[in-house]
Amino acid sequence: MDETTRITLRLPDDLHEWLVGQAKSARRSLNSEIVYRLEVERDAAATDEESP
């Protein structure tokens, strides 16, 4: 990830709290947790698109 873009993200309180908990349990920052989860989902979607 050489280049980055900064965004403002609004989340429901319960989703934010859940993500914070997930990040803590994985010993990641909240930002890293969000990026990780988006990358996993993107890779899964790409795999689904390649399947016949």
N, C-alpha and C. Protein backbone atom coordinates (compact mmCIF):
# COMPACT_ATOMS: atom_id res chain seq x y z
N MET A 1 0.85 -1.17 0.00
CA MET A 1 0.00 0.00 0.00
C MET A 1 0.90 1.23 0.00
N ASP A 2 1.30 1.67 -1.18
CA ASP A 2 2.23 2.78 -1.30
C ASP A 2 1.55 4.13 -1.12
N GLU A 3 0.41 4.29 -1.73
CA GLU A 3 -0.31 5.57 -1.65
C GLU A 3 -1.57 5.37 -0.82
N THR A 4 -1.94 6.40 -0.09
CA THR A 4 -3.14 6.33 0.72
C THR A 4 -4.00 7.56 0.48
N THR A 5 -5.27 7.40 0.78
CA THR A 5 -6.23 8.50 0.73
C THR A 5 -6.90 8.59 2.07
N ARG A 6 -7.00 9.78 2.59
CA ARG A 6 -7.65 9.99 3.88
C ARG A 6 -9.13 10.27 3.63
N ILE A 7 -10.00 9.59 4.40
CA ILE A 7 -11.44 9.81 4.29
C ILE A 7 -12.03 9.99 5.68
N THR A 8 -13.20 10.59 5.71
CA THR A 8 -13.98 10.65 6.94
C THR A 8 -15.05 9.59 6.82
N LEU A 9 -15.19 8.78 7.84
CA LEU A 9 -16.13 7.67 7.81
C LEU A 9 -17.08 7.77 8.99
N ARG A 10 -18.36 7.74 8.71
CA ARG A 10 -19.36 7.74 9.78
C ARG A 10 -19.88 6.33 9.95
N LEU A 11 -19.82 5.84 11.19
CA LEU A 11 -20.27 4.49 11.50
C LEU A 11 -21.32 4.55 12.61
N PRO A 12 -22.27 3.62 12.58
CA PRO A 12 -23.17 3.51 13.74
C PRO A 12 -22.33 3.16 14.97
N ASP A 13 -22.75 3.65 16.13
CA ASP A 13 -22.00 3.42 17.37
C ASP A 13 -21.73 1.95 17.64
N ASP A 14 -22.73 1.10 17.42
CA ASP A 14 -22.53 -0.32 17.71
C ASP A 14 -21.51 -0.96 16.78
N LEU A 15 -21.48 -0.56 15.53
CA LEU A 15 -20.49 -1.10 14.59
C LEU A 15 -19.10 -0.60 14.97
N HIS A 16 -18.98 0.65 15.35
CA HIS A 16 -17.71 1.20 15.78
C HIS A 16 -17.18 0.44 17.00
N GLU A 17 -18.03 0.22 17.97
CA GLU A 17 -17.61 -0.50 19.18
C GLU A 17 -17.17 -1.92 18.85
N TRP A 18 -17.89 -2.58 17.96
CA TRP A 18 -17.52 -3.93 17.55
C TRP A 18 -16.17 -3.94 16.84
N LEU A 19 -15.96 -2.99 15.93
CA LEU A 19 -14.69 -2.92 15.22
C LEU A 19 -13.53 -2.63 16.17
N VAL A 20 -13.74 -1.75 17.14
CA VAL A 20 -12.71 -1.46 18.13
C VAL A 20 -12.35 -2.73 18.89
N GLY A 21 -13.35 -3.50 19.29
CA GLY A 21 -13.10 -4.75 19.99
C GLY A 21 -12.34 -5.75 19.13
N GLN A 22 -12.72 -5.85 17.87
CA GLN A 22 -12.03 -6.76 16.96
C GLN A 22 -10.58 -6.33 16.76
N ALA A 23 -10.37 -5.04 16.62
CA ALA A 23 -9.01 -4.52 16.43
C ALA A 23 -8.15 -4.81 17.65
N LYS A 24 -8.71 -4.59 18.84
CA LYS A 24 -7.95 -4.86 20.06
C LYS A 24 -7.59 -6.33 20.17
N SER A 25 -8.53 -7.21 19.87
CA SER A 25 -8.24 -8.64 19.99
C SER A 25 -7.22 -9.11 18.96
N ALA A 26 -7.15 -8.41 17.83
CA ALA A 26 -6.16 -8.75 16.80
C ALA A 26 -4.87 -7.93 16.94
N ARG A 27 -4.84 -7.07 17.97
CA ARG A 27 -3.68 -6.20 18.23
C ARG A 27 -3.36 -5.32 17.03
N ARG A 28 -4.44 -4.74 16.46
CA ARG A 28 -4.31 -3.81 15.35
C ARG A 28 -4.95 -2.48 15.74
N SER A 29 -4.58 -1.43 15.02
CA SER A 29 -5.29 -0.16 15.18
C SER A 29 -6.65 -0.29 14.52
N LEU A 30 -7.55 0.61 14.87
CA LEU A 30 -8.87 0.60 14.24
C LEU A 30 -8.72 0.77 12.73
N ASN A 31 -7.88 1.69 12.31
CA ASN A 31 -7.65 1.89 10.88
C ASN A 31 -7.16 0.61 10.21
N SER A 32 -6.17 -0.03 10.82
CA SER A 32 -5.64 -1.27 10.24
C SER A 32 -6.69 -2.36 10.18
N GLU A 33 -7.56 -2.42 11.18
CA GLU A 33 -8.63 -3.42 11.19
C GLU A 33 -9.60 -3.19 10.03
N ILE A 34 -9.98 -1.94 9.82
CA ILE A 34 -10.90 -1.62 8.73
C ILE A 34 -10.26 -1.95 7.39
N VAL A 35 -9.00 -1.55 7.20
CA VAL A 35 -8.29 -1.84 5.95
C VAL A 35 -8.18 -3.35 5.74
N TYR A 36 -7.81 -4.07 6.79
CA TYR A 36 -7.69 -5.52 6.71
C TYR A 36 -9.00 -6.16 6.26
N ARG A 37 -10.10 -5.78 6.91
CA ARG A 37 -11.39 -6.37 6.58
C ARG A 37 -11.85 -6.01 5.16
N LEU A 38 -11.58 -4.80 4.73
CA LEU A 38 -11.92 -4.42 3.35
C LEU A 38 -11.09 -5.21 2.33
N GLU A 39 -9.80 -5.39 2.62
CA GLU A 39 -8.95 -6.16 1.71
C GLU A 39 -9.39 -7.62 1.63
N VAL A 40 -9.73 -8.22 2.77
CA VAL A 40 -10.20 -9.60 2.78
C VAL A 40 -11.47 -9.73 1.94
N GLU A 41 -12.39 -8.81 2.14
CA GLU A 41 -13.65 -8.84 1.38
C GLU A 41 -13.41 -8.63 -0.11
N ARG A 42 -12.51 -7.70 -0.45
CA ARG A 42 -12.19 -7.45 -1.86
C ARG A 42 -11.60 -8.70 -2.50
N ASP A 43 -10.67 -9.37 -1.80
CA ASP A 43 -10.04 -10.57 -2.34
C ASP A 43 -11.06 -11.69 -2.51
N ALA A 44 -11.98 -11.83 -1.56
CA ALA A 44 -13.02 -12.84 -1.65
C ALA A 44 -13.94 -12.56 -2.84
N ALA A 45 -14.28 -11.30 -3.04
CA ALA A 45 -15.14 -10.92 -4.16
C ALA A 45 -14.44 -11.20 -5.48
N ALA A 46 -13.16 -10.93 -5.56
CA ALA A 46 -12.39 -11.18 -6.78
C ALA A 46 -12.34 -12.68 -7.07
N THR A 47 -12.19 -13.49 -6.04
CA THR A 47 -12.17 -14.94 -6.21
C THR A 47 -13.53 -15.44 -6.70
N ASP A 48 -14.61 -14.89 -6.14
CA ASP A 48 -15.96 -15.26 -6.57
C ASP A 48 -16.20 -14.90 -8.02
N GLU A 49 -15.66 -13.78 -8.46
CA GLU A 49 -15.84 -13.35 -9.85
C GLU A 49 -15.07 -14.25 -10.82
N GLU A 50 -13.97 -14.83 -10.37
CA GLU A 50 -13.17 -15.70 -11.22
C GLU A 50 -13.75 -17.11 -11.35
N SER A 51 -14.57 -17.51 -10.39
CA SER A 51 -15.16 -18.86 -10.41
C SER A 51 -16.24 -18.93 -11.48
N PRO A 52 -16.31 -20.07 -12.20
CA PRO A 52 -17.35 -20.21 -13.25
C PRO A 52 -18.73 -20.42 -12.68
